[in-house]
Amino acid sequence: MNAIVKVTNEGHLDLPPEIRSQLKAGDEYRAIVKVDGIVLEKIFKPPVDLDAFLQELEELEIDPSQPALQEISEIVKEVRQELWSD
């Protein structure tokens, strides 16, 4: 799509409706200045804040019903023996 974007006397961009309809409040764009113009590139943010997630993960209490590593190893050994014996 090609559209004309005008700069107002105040230095604001006057976007045509077909472009404005594609923008959402809070979206952020990176302005890349080139010799012959400016390119706007949308900044995509991950849906999850990794730092916040890792902080929440650290704050979780240990699940008492969670099997210990030794118990998991024993279960794996038993299942392997059952599979290999058939």
PDB file of N, CA and C in Angstrom:
ATOM      1  N   MET A   1       0.839  -1.169   0.000  1.00  0.00           N
ATOM      2  CA  MET A   1       0.000   0.000   0.000  1.00  0.00           C
ATOM      3  C   MET A   1       0.892   1.243   0.000  1.00  0.00           C
ATOM      4  N   ASN A   2       0.553   2.178  -0.810  1.00  0.00           N
ATOM      5  CA  ASN A   2       1.232   3.473  -0.821  1.00  0.00           C
ATOM      6  C   ASN A   2       0.239   4.520  -0.352  1.00  0.00           C
ATOM      7  N   ALA A   3       0.670   5.368   0.561  1.00  0.00           N
ATOM      8  CA  ALA A   3      -0.189   6.433   1.065  1.00  0.00           C
ATOM      9  C   ALA A   3       0.674   7.659   1.306  1.00  0.00           C
ATOM     10  N   ILE A   4       0.060   8.799   1.212  1.00  0.00           N
ATOM     11  CA  ILE A   4       0.758  10.057   1.437  1.00  0.00           C
ATOM     12  C   ILE A   4       0.562  10.464   2.896  1.00  0.00           C
ATOM     13  N   VAL A   5       1.671  10.719   3.584  1.00  0.00           N
ATOM     14  CA  VAL A   5       1.659  11.200   4.964  1.00  0.00           C
ATOM     15  C   VAL A   5       2.190  12.628   4.927  1.00  0.00           C
ATOM     16  N   LYS A   6       1.412  13.547   5.485  1.00  0.00           N
ATOM     17  CA  LYS A   6       1.826  14.957   5.459  1.00  0.00           C
ATOM     18  C   LYS A   6       2.345  15.376   6.827  1.00  0.00           C
ATOM     19  N   VAL A   7       3.272  16.322   6.804  1.00  0.00           N
ATOM     20  CA  VAL A   7       3.789  16.910   8.034  1.00  0.00           C
ATOM     21  C   VAL A   7       3.070  18.243   8.229  1.00  0.00           C
ATOM     22  N   THR A   8       2.460  18.432   9.407  1.00  0.00           N
ATOM     23  CA  THR A   8       1.743  19.679   9.694  1.00  0.00           C
ATOM     24  C   THR A   8       2.730  20.779  10.063  1.00  0.00           C
ATOM     25  N   ASN A   9       2.235  21.994  10.180  1.00  0.00           N
ATOM     26  CA  ASN A   9       3.070  23.134  10.582  1.00  0.00           C
ATOM     27  C   ASN A   9       3.668  22.930  11.972  1.00  0.00           C
ATOM     28  N   GLU A  10       2.978  22.132  12.812  1.00  0.00           N
ATOM     29  CA  GLU A  10       3.464  21.866  14.170  1.00  0.00           C
ATOM     30  C   GLU A  10       4.488  20.724  14.198  1.00  0.00           C
ATOM     31  N   GLY A  11       4.737  20.114  13.042  1.00  0.00           N
ATOM     32  CA  GLY A  11       5.697  19.012  12.980  1.00  0.00           C
ATOM     33  C   GLY A  11       5.084  17.649  13.253  1.00  0.00           C
ATOM     34  N   HIS A  12       3.760  17.572  13.319  1.00  0.00           N
ATOM     35  CA  HIS A  12       3.083  16.288  13.529  1.00  0.00           C
ATOM     36  C   HIS A  12       2.844  15.607  12.193  1.00  0.00           C
ATOM     37  N   LEU A  13       2.696  14.298  12.237  1.00  0.00           N
ATOM     38  CA  LEU A  13       2.389  13.546  11.022  1.00  0.00           C
ATOM     39  C   LEU A  13       0.878  13.429  10.874  1.00  0.00           C
ATOM     40  N   ASP A  14       0.370  13.745   9.709  1.00  0.00           N
ATOM     41  CA  ASP A  14      -1.055  13.605   9.409  1.00  0.00           C
ATOM     42  C   ASP A  14      -1.216  12.309   8.628  1.00  0.00           C
ATOM     43  N   LEU A  15      -1.682  11.271   9.309  1.00  0.00           N
ATOM     44  CA  LEU A  15      -1.787   9.944   8.698  1.00  0.00           C
ATOM     45  C   LEU A  15      -3.147   9.762   8.038  1.00  0.00           C
ATOM     46  N   PRO A  16      -3.172   9.193   6.846  1.00  0.00           N
ATOM     47  CA  PRO A  16      -4.453   8.909   6.211  1.00  0.00           C
ATOM     48  C   PRO A  16      -5.198   7.808   6.980  1.00  0.00           C
ATOM     49  N   PRO A  17      -6.518   7.771   6.872  1.00  0.00           N
ATOM     50  CA  PRO A  17      -7.331   6.814   7.637  1.00  0.00           C
ATOM     51  C   PRO A  17      -6.921   5.351   7.436  1.00  0.00           C
ATOM     52  N   GLU A  18      -6.504   4.974   6.232  1.00  0.00           N
ATOM     53  CA  GLU A  18      -6.138   3.571   5.987  1.00  0.00           C
ATOM     54  C   GLU A  18      -4.896   3.158   6.767  1.00  0.00           C
ATOM     55  N   ILE A  19      -4.050   4.105   7.095  1.00  0.00           N
ATOM     56  CA  ILE A  19      -2.890   3.798   7.936  1.00  0.00           C
ATOM     57  C   ILE A  19      -3.287   3.885   9.404  1.00  0.00           C
ATOM     58  N   ARG A  20      -4.003   4.938   9.776  1.00  0.00           N
ATOM     59  CA  ARG A  20      -4.418   5.141  11.167  1.00  0.00           C
ATOM     60  C   ARG A  20      -5.217   3.939  11.681  1.00  0.00           C
ATOM     61  N   SER A  21      -6.021   3.312  10.824  1.00  0.00           N
ATOM     62  CA  SER A  21      -6.853   2.173  11.252  1.00  0.00           C
ATOM     63  C   SER A  21      -6.008   0.949  11.626  1.00  0.00           C
ATOM     64  N   GLN A  22      -4.766   0.913  11.172  1.00  0.00           N
ATOM     65  CA  GLN A  22      -3.892  -0.224  11.469  1.00  0.00           C
ATOM     66  C   GLN A  22      -3.059  -0.024  12.739  1.00  0.00           C
ATOM     67  N   LEU A  23      -3.102   1.176  13.304  1.00  0.00           N
ATOM     68  CA  LEU A  23      -2.313   1.476  14.496  1.00  0.00           C
ATOM     69  C   LEU A  23      -3.133   1.223  15.753  1.00  0.00           C
ATOM     70  N   LYS A  24      -2.462   0.738  16.779  1.00  0.00           N
ATOM     71  CA  LYS A  24      -3.112   0.490  18.066  1.00  0.00           C
ATOM     72  C   LYS A  24      -2.428   1.341  19.127  1.00  0.00           C
ATOM     73  N   ALA A  25      -3.226   1.828  20.070  1.00  0.00           N
ATOM     74  CA  ALA A  25      -2.661   2.619  21.169  1.00  0.00           C
ATOM     75  C   ALA A  25      -1.615   1.788  21.897  1.00  0.00           C
ATOM     76  N   GLY A  26      -0.493   2.381  22.179  1.00  0.00           N
ATOM     77  CA  GLY A  26       0.574   1.687  22.895  1.00  0.00           C
ATOM     78  C   GLY A  26       1.612   1.043  21.991  1.00  0.00           C
ATOM     79  N   ASP A  27       1.293   0.874  20.703  1.00  0.00           N
ATOM     80  CA  ASP A  27       2.290   0.316  19.787  1.00  0.00           C
ATOM     81  C   ASP A  27       3.481   1.265  19.711  1.00  0.00           C
ATOM     82  N   GLU A  28       4.650   0.703  19.522  1.00  0.00           N
ATOM     83  CA  GLU A  28       5.853   1.513  19.392  1.00  0.00           C
ATOM     84  C   GLU A  28       6.537   1.200  18.066  1.00  0.00           C
ATOM     85  N   TYR A  29       7.144   2.242  17.490  1.00  0.00           N
ATOM     86  CA  TYR A  29       7.823   2.107  16.213  1.00  0.00           C
ATOM     87  C   TYR A  29       9.226   2.680  16.322  1.00  0.00           C
ATOM     88  N   ARG A  30      10.151   2.041  15.644  1.00  0.00           N
ATOM     89  CA  ARG A  30      11.526   2.520  15.560  1.00  0.00           C
ATOM     90  C   ARG A  30      11.615   3.374  14.297  1.00  0.00           C
ATOM     91  N   ALA A  31      12.164   4.564  14.410  1.00  0.00           N
ATOM     92  CA  ALA A  31      12.344   5.440  13.254  1.00  0.00           C
ATOM     93  C   ALA A  31      13.763   5.260  12.735  1.00  0.00           C
ATOM     94  N   ILE A  32      13.876   4.818  11.501  1.00  0.00           N
ATOM     95  CA  ILE A  32      15.173   4.606  10.869  1.00  0.00           C
ATOM     96  C   ILE A  32      15.372   5.735   9.858  1.00  0.00           C
ATOM     97  N   VAL A  33      16.331   6.612  10.160  1.00  0.00           N
ATOM     98  CA  VAL A  33      16.584   7.775   9.311  1.00  0.00           C
ATOM     99  C   VAL A  33      17.573   7.375   8.222  1.00  0.00           C
ATOM    100  N   LYS A  34      17.158   7.600   6.980  1.00  0.00           N
ATOM    101  CA  LYS A  34      18.009   7.324   5.828  1.00  0.00           C
ATOM    102  C   LYS A  34      18.246   8.631   5.080  1.00  0.00           C
ATOM    103  N   VAL A  35      19.139   8.600   4.136  1.00  0.00           N
ATOM    104  CA  VAL A  35      19.469   9.799   3.369  1.00  0.00           C
ATOM    105  C   VAL A  35      18.231  10.341   2.646  1.00  0.00           C
ATOM    106  N   ASP A  36      17.427   9.436   2.090  1.00  0.00           N
ATOM    107  CA  ASP A  36      16.287   9.865   1.274  1.00  0.00           C
ATOM    108  C   ASP A  36      14.942   9.743   1.980  1.00  0.00           C
ATOM    109  N   GLY A  37      14.922   9.509   3.288  1.00  0.00           N
ATOM    110  CA  GLY A  37      13.644   9.413   3.980  1.00  0.00           C
ATOM    111  C   GLY A  37      13.751   8.789   5.356  1.00  0.00           C
ATOM    112  N   ILE A  38      12.596   8.510   5.914  1.00  0.00           N
ATOM    113  CA  ILE A  38      12.497   7.897   7.248  1.00  0.00           C
ATOM    114  C   ILE A  38      11.608   6.674   7.128  1.00  0.00           C
ATOM    115  N   VAL A  39      12.043   5.575   7.716  1.00  0.00           N
ATOM    116  CA  VAL A  39      11.278   4.332   7.712  1.00  0.00           C
ATOM    117  C   VAL A  39      10.830   4.058   9.140  1.00  0.00           C
ATOM    118  N   LEU A  40       9.534   3.771   9.305  1.00  0.00           N
ATOM    119  CA  LEU A  40       9.013   3.372  10.611  1.00  0.00           C
ATOM    120  C   LEU A  40       8.891   1.857  10.639  1.00  0.00           C
ATOM    121  N   GLU A  41       9.452   1.257  11.666  1.00  0.00           N
ATOM    122  CA  GLU A  41       9.440  -0.195  11.801  1.00  0.00           C
ATOM    123  C   GLU A  41       8.828  -0.539  13.157  1.00  0.00           C
ATOM    124  N   LYS A  42       7.775  -1.347  13.141  1.00  0.00           N
ATOM    125  CA  LYS A  42       7.090  -1.698  14.381  1.00  0.00           C
ATOM    126  C   LYS A  42       8.018  -2.519  15.279  1.00  0.00           C
ATOM    127  N   ILE A  43       7.983  -2.194  16.568  1.00  0.00           N
ATOM    128  CA  ILE A  43       8.756  -2.939  17.559  1.00  0.00           C
ATOM    129  C   ILE A  43       7.830  -3.992  18.149  1.00  0.00           C
ATOM    130  N   PHE A  44       8.176  -5.260  17.949  1.00  0.00           N
ATOM    131  CA  PHE A  44       7.366  -6.350  18.481  1.00  0.00           C
ATOM    132  C   PHE A  44       7.906  -6.741  19.845  1.00  0.00           C
ATOM    133  N   LYS A  45       7.021  -6.735  20.811  1.00  0.00           N
ATOM    134  CA  LYS A  45       7.404  -7.097  22.170  1.00  0.00           C
ATOM    135  C   LYS A  45       6.930  -8.517  22.446  1.00  0.00           C
ATOM    136  N   PRO A  46       7.732  -9.294  23.146  1.00  0.00           N
ATOM    137  CA  PRO A  46       7.272 -10.641  23.487  1.00  0.00           C
ATOM    138  C   PRO A  46       6.040 -10.559  24.377  1.00  0.00           C
ATOM    139  N   PRO A  47       5.118 -11.512  24.223  1.00  0.00           N
ATOM    140  CA  PRO A  47       3.900 -11.472  25.019  1.00  0.00           C
ATOM    141  C   PRO A  47       4.141 -11.681  26.516  1.00  0.00           C
ATOM    142  N   VAL A  48       5.308 -12.212  26.872  1.00  0.00           N
ATOM    143  CA  VAL A  48       5.620 -12.468  28.277  1.00  0.00           C
ATOM    144  C   VAL A  48       6.896 -11.712  28.635  1.00  0.00           C
ATOM    145  N   ASP A  49       6.879 -11.075  29.777  1.00  0.00           N
ATOM    146  CA  ASP A  49       8.073 -10.403  30.284  1.00  0.00           C
ATOM    147  C   ASP A  49       8.930 -11.470  30.964  1.00  0.00           C
ATOM    148  N   LEU A  50      10.021 -11.865  30.318  1.00  0.00           N
ATOM    149  CA  LEU A  50      10.847 -12.959  30.811  1.00  0.00           C
ATOM    150  C   LEU A  50      11.394 -12.683  32.204  1.00  0.00           C
ATOM    151  N   ASP A  51      11.837 -11.468  32.454  1.00  0.00           N
ATOM    152  CA  ASP A  51      12.375 -11.133  33.780  1.00  0.00           C
ATOM    153  C   ASP A  51      11.316 -11.299  34.862  1.00  0.00           C
ATOM    154  N   ALA A  52      10.102 -10.835  34.593  1.00  0.00           N
ATOM    155  CA  ALA A  52       9.009 -10.973  35.566  1.00  0.00           C
ATOM    156  C   ALA A  52       8.672 -12.446  35.783  1.00  0.00           C
ATOM    157  N   PHE A  53       8.663 -13.222  34.686  1.00  0.00           N
ATOM    158  CA  PHE A  53       8.365 -14.647  34.804  1.00  0.00           C
ATOM    159  C   PHE A  53       9.404 -15.360  35.661  1.00  0.00           C
ATOM    160  N   LEU A  54      10.679 -15.083  35.414  1.00  0.00           N
ATOM    161  CA  LEU A  54      11.734 -15.731  36.193  1.00  0.00           C
ATOM    162  C   LEU A  54      11.671 -15.322  37.658  1.00  0.00           C
ATOM    163  N   GLN A  55      11.307 -14.070  37.927  1.00  0.00           N
ATOM    164  CA  GLN A  55      11.158 -13.613  39.316  1.00  0.00           C
ATOM    165  C   GLN A  55      10.023 -14.363  40.001  1.00  0.00           C
ATOM    166  N   GLU A  56       8.889 -14.512  39.310  1.00  0.00           N
ATOM    167  CA  GLU A  56       7.760 -15.258  39.864  1.00  0.00           C
ATOM    168  C   GLU A  56       8.145 -16.713  40.108  1.00  0.00           C
ATOM    169  N   LEU A  57       8.911 -17.286  39.197  1.00  0.00           N
ATOM    170  CA  LEU A  57       9.336 -18.674  39.319  1.00  0.00           C
ATOM    171  C   LEU A  57      10.203 -18.871  40.561  1.00  0.00           C
ATOM    172  N   GLU A  58      11.096 -17.908  40.821  1.00  0.00           N
ATOM    173  CA  GLU A  58      11.954 -17.990  42.000  1.00  0.00           C
ATOM    174  C   GLU A  58      11.151 -17.892  43.296  1.00  0.00           C
ATOM    175  N   GLU A  59      10.052 -17.144  43.263  1.00  0.00           N
ATOM    176  CA  GLU A  59       9.252 -16.923  44.467  1.00  0.00           C
ATOM    177  C   GLU A  59       8.315 -18.095  44.790  1.00  0.00           C
ATOM    178  N   LEU A  60       8.149 -19.013  43.841  1.00  0.00           N
ATOM    179  CA  LEU A  60       7.275 -20.158  44.091  1.00  0.00           C
ATOM    180  C   LEU A  60       7.876 -21.072  45.150  1.00  0.00           C
ATOM    181  N   GLU A  61       7.005 -21.604  45.975  1.00  0.00           N
ATOM    182  CA  GLU A  61       7.467 -22.560  46.982  1.00  0.00           C
ATOM    183  C   GLU A  61       7.613 -23.934  46.342  1.00  0.00           C
ATOM    184  N   ILE A  62       8.467 -24.740  46.913  1.00  0.00           N
ATOM    185  CA  ILE A  62       8.687 -26.092  46.400  1.00  0.00           C
ATOM    186  C   ILE A  62       7.430 -26.914  46.637  1.00  0.00           C
ATOM    187  N   ASP A  63       7.025 -27.641  45.597  1.00  0.00           N
ATOM    188  CA  ASP A  63       5.838 -28.498  45.684  1.00  0.00           C
ATOM    189  C   ASP A  63       6.226 -29.759  46.456  1.00  0.00           C
ATOM    190  N   PRO A  64       5.608 -29.996  47.625  1.00  0.00           N
ATOM    191  CA  PRO A  64       5.979 -31.175  48.420  1.00  0.00           C
ATOM    192  C   PRO A  64       5.657 -32.496  47.727  1.00  0.00           C
ATOM    193  N   SER A  65       4.727 -32.480  46.781  1.00  0.00           N
ATOM    194  CA  SER A  65       4.381 -33.722  46.081  1.00  0.00           C
ATOM    195  C   SER A  65       5.283 -33.978  44.883  1.00  0.00           C
ATOM    196  N   GLN A  66       6.165 -33.041  44.584  1.00  0.00           N
ATOM    197  CA  GLN A  66       7.093 -33.198  43.469  1.00  0.00           C
ATOM    198  C   GLN A  66       8.112 -34.279  43.809  1.00  0.00           C
ATOM    199  N   PRO A  67       8.251 -35.297  42.945  1.00  0.00           N
ATOM    200  CA  PRO A  67       9.218 -36.352  43.251  1.00  0.00           C
ATOM    201  C   PRO A  67      10.653 -35.827  43.192  1.00  0.00           C
ATOM    202  N   ALA A  68      11.493 -36.399  44.028  1.00  0.00           N
ATOM    203  CA  ALA A  68      12.904 -36.027  44.038  1.00  0.00           C
ATOM    204  C   ALA A  68      13.587 -36.633  42.814  1.00  0.00           C
ATOM    205  N   LEU A  69      14.749 -36.119  42.474  1.00  0.00           N
ATOM    206  CA  LEU A  69      15.491 -36.606  41.312  1.00  0.00           C
ATOM    207  C   LEU A  69      15.775 -38.105  41.433  1.00  0.00           C
ATOM    208  N   GLN A  70      16.092 -38.554  42.632  1.00  0.00           N
ATOM    209  CA  GLN A  70      16.364 -39.980  42.862  1.00  0.00           C
ATOM    210  C   GLN A  70      15.118 -40.819  42.547  1.00  0.00           C
ATOM    211  N   GLU A  71      13.944 -40.348  42.978  1.00  0.00           N
ATOM    212  CA  GLU A  71      12.697 -41.080  42.700  1.00  0.00           C
ATOM    213  C   GLU A  71      12.423 -41.136  41.196  1.00  0.00           C
ATOM    214  N   ILE A  72      12.667 -40.045  40.495  1.00  0.00           N
ATOM    215  CA  ILE A  72      12.455 -40.019  39.049  1.00  0.00           C
ATOM    216  C   ILE A  72      13.406 -41.000  38.367  1.00  0.00           C
ATOM    217  N   SER A  73      14.653 -41.042  38.813  1.00  0.00           N
ATOM    218  CA  SER A  73      15.626 -41.980  38.244  1.00  0.00           C
ATOM    219  C   SER A  73      15.179 -43.421  38.435  1.00  0.00           C
ATOM    220  N   GLU A  74      14.661 -43.737  39.613  1.00  0.00           N
ATOM    221  CA  GLU A  74      14.178 -45.101  39.883  1.00  0.00           C
ATOM    222  C   GLU A  74      13.010 -45.461  38.979  1.00  0.00           C
ATOM    223  N   ILE A  75      12.100 -44.523  38.777  1.00  0.00           N
ATOM    224  CA  ILE A  75      10.949 -44.780  37.902  1.00  0.00           C
ATOM    225  C   ILE A  75      11.415 -45.025  36.475  1.00  0.00           C
ATOM    226  N   VAL A  76      12.365 -44.222  36.008  1.00  0.00           N
ATOM    227  CA  VAL A  76      12.897 -44.392  34.648  1.00  0.00           C
ATOM    228  C   VAL A  76      13.553 -45.755  34.510  1.00  0.00           C
ATOM    229  N   LYS A  77      14.321 -46.173  35.509  1.00  0.00           N
ATOM    230  CA  LYS A  77      14.971 -47.492  35.471  1.00  0.00           C
ATOM    231  C   LYS A  77      13.935 -48.603  35.394  1.00  0.00           C
ATOM    232  N   GLU A  78      12.875 -48.486  36.197  1.00  0.00           N
ATOM    233  CA  GLU A  78      11.829 -49.511  36.192  1.00  0.00           C
ATOM    234  C   GLU A  78      11.145 -49.603  34.833  1.00  0.00           C
ATOM    235  N   VAL A  79      10.824 -48.451  34.251  1.00  0.00           N
ATOM    236  CA  VAL A  79      10.152 -48.445  32.952  1.00  0.00           C
ATOM    237  C   VAL A  79      11.068 -49.026  31.884  1.00  0.00           C
ATOM    238  N   ARG A  80      12.352 -48.684  31.911  1.00  0.00           N
ATOM    239  CA  ARG A  80      13.296 -49.242  30.938  1.00  0.00           C
ATOM    240  C   ARG A  80      13.388 -50.754  31.066  1.00  0.00           C
ATOM    241  N   GLN A  81      13.458 -51.236  32.297  1.00  0.00           N
ATOM    242  CA  GLN A  81      13.545 -52.682  32.507  1.00  0.00           C
ATOM    243  C   GLN A  81      12.301 -53.381  31.973  1.00  0.00           C
ATOM    244  N   GLU A  82      11.129 -52.772  32.191  1.00  0.00           N
ATOM    245  CA  GLU A  82       9.883 -53.367  31.695  1.00  0.00           C
ATOM    246  C   GLU A  82       9.881 -53.388  30.149  1.00  0.00           C
ATOM    247  N   LEU A  83      10.346 -52.310  29.532  1.00  0.00           N
ATOM    248  CA  LEU A  83      10.352 -52.238  28.076  1.00  0.00           C
ATOM    249  C   LEU A  83      11.372 -53.209  27.475  1.00  0.00           C
ATOM    250  N   TRP A  84      12.527 -53.340  28.089  1.00  0.00           N
ATOM    251  CA  TRP A  84      13.565 -54.193  27.547  1.00  0.00           C
ATOM    252  C   TRP A  84      13.309 -55.672  27.826  1.00  0.00           C
ATOM    253  N   SER A  85      12.504 -55.979  28.811  1.00  0.00           N
ATOM    254  CA  SER A  85      12.250 -57.378  29.135  1.00  0.00           C
ATOM    255  C   SER A  85      11.223 -58.006  28.208  1.00  0.00           C
ATOM    256  N   ASP A  86      10.451 -57.184  27.489  1.00  0.00           N
ATOM    257  CA  ASP A  86       9.432 -57.729  26.571  1.00  0.00           C
ATOM    258  C   ASP A  86       9.981 -58.141  25.255  1.00  0.00           C
TER     259      ASP A  86
END
